[in-house]
């Protein structure tokens, strides 16, 4: 999960009046949150001079893991009693949730989950069935991000792809765009020790939809 996911959903909450009952589909009780602004702020800027030419480069700082923090139940500002459904906790997969929660939720949130599913169209159809009439779906998923199986890492999504998938399920598209966008020149480095802190580009898309 990105720190910008929390910022985004706070803004959508203020704009649309998101309310409970809320489901965090595929979420965690205490997710790990990446605040890439920390990495950018600590990056080292270098000026290089060679043969009367000058270049400026930004080098990621050597400690990249300090951008990660944990936060318990991050959507409590919408619904303090919100439900978390995750197979890691013994819950059904999203495709099976309509059997247990038919039209049960006014808000459903997926953050950094959609890239792991086997069939995004089937998952979107299931989400439509658990959202109540007039309710909202918020989906944030990576567009550029390192491979991270959990247990699988299958897809990357542009805003256009999210719109196509969720509209095919019957949702009304309200808005969506890239909401995380860090250039490889910004000073974000890879945390894999085998990659020596190599610069990375990080992007993520979001979709905000309603069931009319």
Protein backbone atom coordinates (compact mmCIF):
# COMPACT_ATOMS: atom_id res chain seq x y z
CA UNK A 1 0.00 0.00 0.00
CA UNK A 2 1.15 3.53 -0.75
CA UNK A 3 0.87 6.52 1.58
CA UNK A 4 -0.77 8.22 -1.40
CA UNK A 5 -3.55 5.60 -1.27
CA UNK A 6 -4.56 6.92 2.14
CA UNK A 7 -4.38 10.51 0.90
CA UNK A 8 -6.48 9.58 -2.13
CA UNK A 9 -9.19 7.80 -0.17
CA UNK A 10 -9.41 10.60 2.38
CA UNK A 11 -10.09 12.95 -0.53
CA UNK A 12 -12.69 10.63 -2.07
CA UNK A 13 -14.35 10.28 1.34
CA UNK A 14 -14.66 14.06 1.60
CA UNK A 15 -15.94 14.34 -1.98
CA UNK A 16 -18.46 11.48 -2.11
CA UNK A 17 -19.33 10.91 1.54
CA UNK A 18 -18.10 7.31 1.69
CA UNK A 19 -19.80 5.43 4.51
CA UNK A 20 -20.09 2.07 6.16
CA UNK A 21 -20.63 -0.74 6.19
CA UNK A 22 -17.20 -0.93 4.54
CA UNK A 23 -15.24 -3.93 3.30
CA UNK A 24 -11.48 -3.96 2.83
CA UNK A 25 -11.25 -6.75 0.25
CA UNK A 26 -7.92 -8.54 0.43
CA UNK A 27 -6.64 -6.06 3.01
CA UNK A 28 -4.67 -6.55 6.19
CA UNK A 29 -5.21 -5.53 9.80
CA UNK A 30 -1.87 -3.68 9.86
CA UNK A 31 -0.70 -3.15 6.26
CA UNK A 32 2.80 -2.01 5.37
CA UNK A 33 2.61 1.50 3.92
CA UNK A 34 5.24 2.97 1.60
CA UNK A 35 5.75 6.73 1.80
CA UNK A 36 7.96 7.44 -1.21
CA UNK A 37 8.16 11.13 -0.36
CA UNK A 38 10.59 10.07 2.39
CA UNK A 39 12.90 8.51 -0.19
CA UNK A 40 12.63 11.54 -2.47
CA UNK A 41 13.38 13.94 0.39
CA UNK A 42 16.53 12.02 1.36
CA UNK A 43 17.88 11.56 -2.16
CA UNK A 44 21.31 13.02 -2.88
CA UNK A 45 21.67 15.58 -5.68
CA UNK A 46 25.01 15.62 -7.50
CA UNK A 47 26.43 18.04 -10.04
CA UNK A 48 28.96 16.58 -12.48
CA UNK A 49 31.38 18.65 -14.54
CA UNK A 50 33.25 17.18 -17.50
CA UNK A 51 34.85 18.96 -20.46
CA UNK A 52 32.95 22.17 -19.79
CA UNK A 53 29.66 20.29 -19.59
CA UNK A 54 27.52 20.00 -16.47
CA UNK A 55 25.01 17.32 -15.52
CA UNK A 56 22.75 17.08 -12.49
CA UNK A 57 21.71 13.68 -11.19
CA UNK A 58 19.75 12.42 -8.21
CA UNK A 59 21.07 9.38 -6.37
CA UNK A 60 18.85 7.33 -4.03
CA UNK A 61 20.01 7.51 -0.44
CA UNK A 62 21.50 4.26 0.94
CA UNK A 63 18.70 3.51 3.42
CA UNK A 64 15.48 2.93 1.50
CA UNK A 65 13.57 0.82 4.02
CA UNK A 66 12.86 3.81 6.25
CA UNK A 67 9.96 4.71 3.94
CA UNK A 68 7.92 1.77 5.26
CA UNK A 69 5.58 2.07 8.24
CA UNK A 70 2.70 -0.01 9.53
CA UNK A 71 -0.73 1.36 10.34
CA UNK A 72 -3.56 -0.58 11.94
CA UNK A 73 -6.96 -0.45 10.23
CA UNK A 74 -6.28 2.57 7.98
CA UNK A 75 -9.92 3.02 6.84
CA UNK A 76 -11.34 3.55 10.32
CA UNK A 77 -11.99 7.21 9.48
CA UNK A 78 -14.79 5.95 7.19
CA UNK A 79 -16.09 3.04 9.27
CA UNK A 80 -14.47 2.17 12.63
CA UNK A 81 -15.96 -1.33 12.50
CA UNK A 82 -15.11 -2.12 8.89
CA UNK A 83 -14.75 -5.73 7.74
CA UNK A 84 -11.47 -7.14 6.43
CA UNK A 85 -11.77 -10.18 4.17
CA UNK A 86 -8.48 -11.86 3.26
CA UNK A 87 -7.79 -15.52 2.48
CA UNK A 88 -4.64 -15.20 4.61
CA UNK A 89 -7.01 -14.88 7.58
CA UNK A 90 -9.11 -17.86 6.44
CA UNK A 91 -11.72 -15.76 4.62
CA UNK A 92 -13.16 -16.65 1.20
CA UNK A 93 -11.55 -15.39 -1.99
CA UNK A 94 -13.16 -12.29 -3.47
CA UNK A 95 -14.92 -14.40 -6.11
CA UNK A 96 -16.70 -16.25 -3.29
CA UNK A 97 -17.71 -13.21 -1.22
CA UNK A 98 -21.18 -12.75 -2.82
CA UNK A 99 -22.31 -15.99 -1.19
CA UNK A 100 -21.59 -14.50 2.24
CA UNK A 101 -22.13 -10.78 1.63
CA UNK A 102 -24.77 -10.19 -1.08
CA UNK A 103 -25.20 -6.40 -1.54
CA UNK A 104 -23.89 -5.94 2.00
CA UNK A 105 -21.47 -3.00 1.73
CA UNK A 106 -21.89 0.69 1.00
CA UNK A 107 -18.13 1.00 0.35
CA UNK A 108 -15.64 -1.59 -0.87
CA UNK A 109 -11.93 -0.76 -1.00
CA UNK A 110 -9.15 -2.70 -2.74
CA UNK A 111 -5.62 -1.40 -2.39
CA UNK A 112 -2.69 -3.24 -4.00
CA UNK A 113 -4.82 -6.37 -4.38
CA UNK A 114 -6.03 -6.37 -7.98
CA UNK A 115 -2.61 -7.21 -9.43
CA UNK A 116 -2.64 -10.51 -7.50
CA UNK A 117 -6.01 -11.90 -8.66
CA UNK A 118 -6.31 -14.67 -11.22
CA UNK A 119 -9.13 -13.14 -13.30
CA UNK A 120 -9.83 -9.41 -12.80
CA UNK A 121 -13.15 -9.56 -14.69
CA UNK A 122 -14.54 -12.29 -12.43
CA UNK A 123 -13.31 -10.41 -9.36
CA UNK A 124 -14.97 -7.21 -10.56
CA UNK A 125 -18.24 -9.09 -11.13
CA UNK A 126 -18.06 -10.41 -7.56
CA UNK A 127 -17.38 -6.92 -6.20
CA UNK A 128 -20.45 -5.60 -7.99
CA UNK A 129 -22.57 -8.22 -6.26
CA UNK A 130 -21.40 -7.29 -2.74
CA UNK A 131 -21.80 -3.52 -3.17
CA UNK A 132 -25.25 -2.25 -2.20
CA UNK A 133 -27.25 -0.01 -4.56
CA UNK A 134 -25.79 3.49 -4.43
CA UNK A 135 -22.55 2.17 -2.93
CA UNK A 136 -18.97 2.78 -4.00
CA UNK A 137 -15.97 0.76 -5.15
CA UNK A 138 -12.47 2.21 -4.76
CA UNK A 139 -9.69 0.24 -6.44
CA UNK A 140 -6.02 1.22 -6.44
CA UNK A 141 -3.51 -0.97 -8.24
CA UNK A 142 0.09 -0.67 -9.51
CA UNK A 143 0.98 0.32 -13.06
CA UNK A 144 4.77 0.36 -12.61
CA UNK A 145 6.07 -1.63 -9.64
CA UNK A 146 8.58 -4.44 -8.99
CA UNK A 147 7.46 -8.05 -9.17
CA UNK A 148 5.99 -9.06 -5.79
CA UNK A 149 4.28 -12.47 -5.69
CA UNK A 150 1.85 -12.84 -2.79
CA UNK A 151 1.46 -15.67 -3.72
CA UNK A 152 1.04 -14.51 -7.36
CA UNK A 153 1.72 -11.22 -9.13
CA UNK A 154 -0.21 -11.28 -12.41
CA UNK A 155 -1.20 -7.87 -13.78
CA UNK A 156 -0.55 -4.11 -14.06
CA UNK A 157 -3.34 -1.61 -14.77
CA UNK A 158 -3.77 1.75 -16.43
CA UNK A 159 -6.82 3.86 -15.51
CA UNK A 160 -8.35 2.91 -18.88
CA UNK A 161 -8.01 -0.79 -18.05
CA UNK A 162 -9.65 -0.34 -14.64
CA UNK A 163 -12.52 1.55 -16.23
CA UNK A 164 -13.07 -1.13 -18.88
CA UNK A 165 -13.07 -3.92 -16.31
CA UNK A 166 -15.41 -2.29 -13.79
CA UNK A 167 -17.85 -0.92 -16.36
CA UNK A 168 -18.13 -4.42 -17.83
CA UNK A 169 -19.44 -5.54 -14.42
CA UNK A 170 -22.13 -2.84 -14.33
CA UNK A 171 -20.41 -0.15 -12.26
CA UNK A 172 -20.79 3.52 -13.17
CA UNK A 173 -17.38 5.14 -13.61
CA UNK A 174 -16.99 8.31 -11.55
CA UNK A 175 -13.28 9.05 -11.86
CA UNK A 176 -9.83 7.54 -12.11
CA UNK A 177 -6.28 8.45 -13.00
CA UNK A 178 -2.67 7.88 -12.04
CA UNK A 179 -2.38 8.98 -8.41
CA UNK A 180 1.16 7.71 -7.71
CA UNK A 181 3.84 8.83 -10.18
CA UNK A 182 7.52 8.87 -9.23
CA UNK A 183 10.14 9.11 -11.98
CA UNK A 184 13.29 7.01 -11.75
CA UNK A 185 15.06 10.37 -11.51
CA UNK A 186 13.26 11.30 -8.27
CA UNK A 187 15.52 9.34 -5.94
CA UNK A 188 13.39 6.27 -5.18
CA UNK A 189 15.65 3.23 -4.94
CA UNK A 190 15.06 -0.50 -5.05
CA UNK A 191 15.15 -2.17 -1.64
CA UNK A 192 16.38 -5.48 -3.10
CA UNK A 193 20.00 -5.69 -1.88
CA UNK A 194 20.99 -7.46 -5.11
CA UNK A 195 20.04 -4.38 -7.12
CA UNK A 196 22.28 -1.97 -5.19
CA UNK A 197 19.53 0.60 -4.63
CA UNK A 198 18.95 1.07 -8.36
CA UNK A 199 16.60 3.96 -9.21
CA UNK A 200 12.98 2.96 -9.76
CA UNK A 201 9.86 4.40 -11.34
CA UNK A 202 6.71 3.87 -9.28
CA UNK A 203 3.20 4.45 -10.64
CA UNK A 204 -0.29 3.42 -9.56
CA UNK A 205 -3.80 3.89 -10.94
CA UNK A 206 -7.12 4.24 -9.19
CA UNK A 207 -10.78 3.79 -10.00
CA UNK A 208 -13.76 5.27 -8.17
CA UNK A 209 -17.06 3.66 -9.24
CA UNK A 210 -20.65 3.55 -8.04
CA UNK A 211 -23.38 0.94 -8.26
CA UNK A 212 -26.46 2.78 -9.48
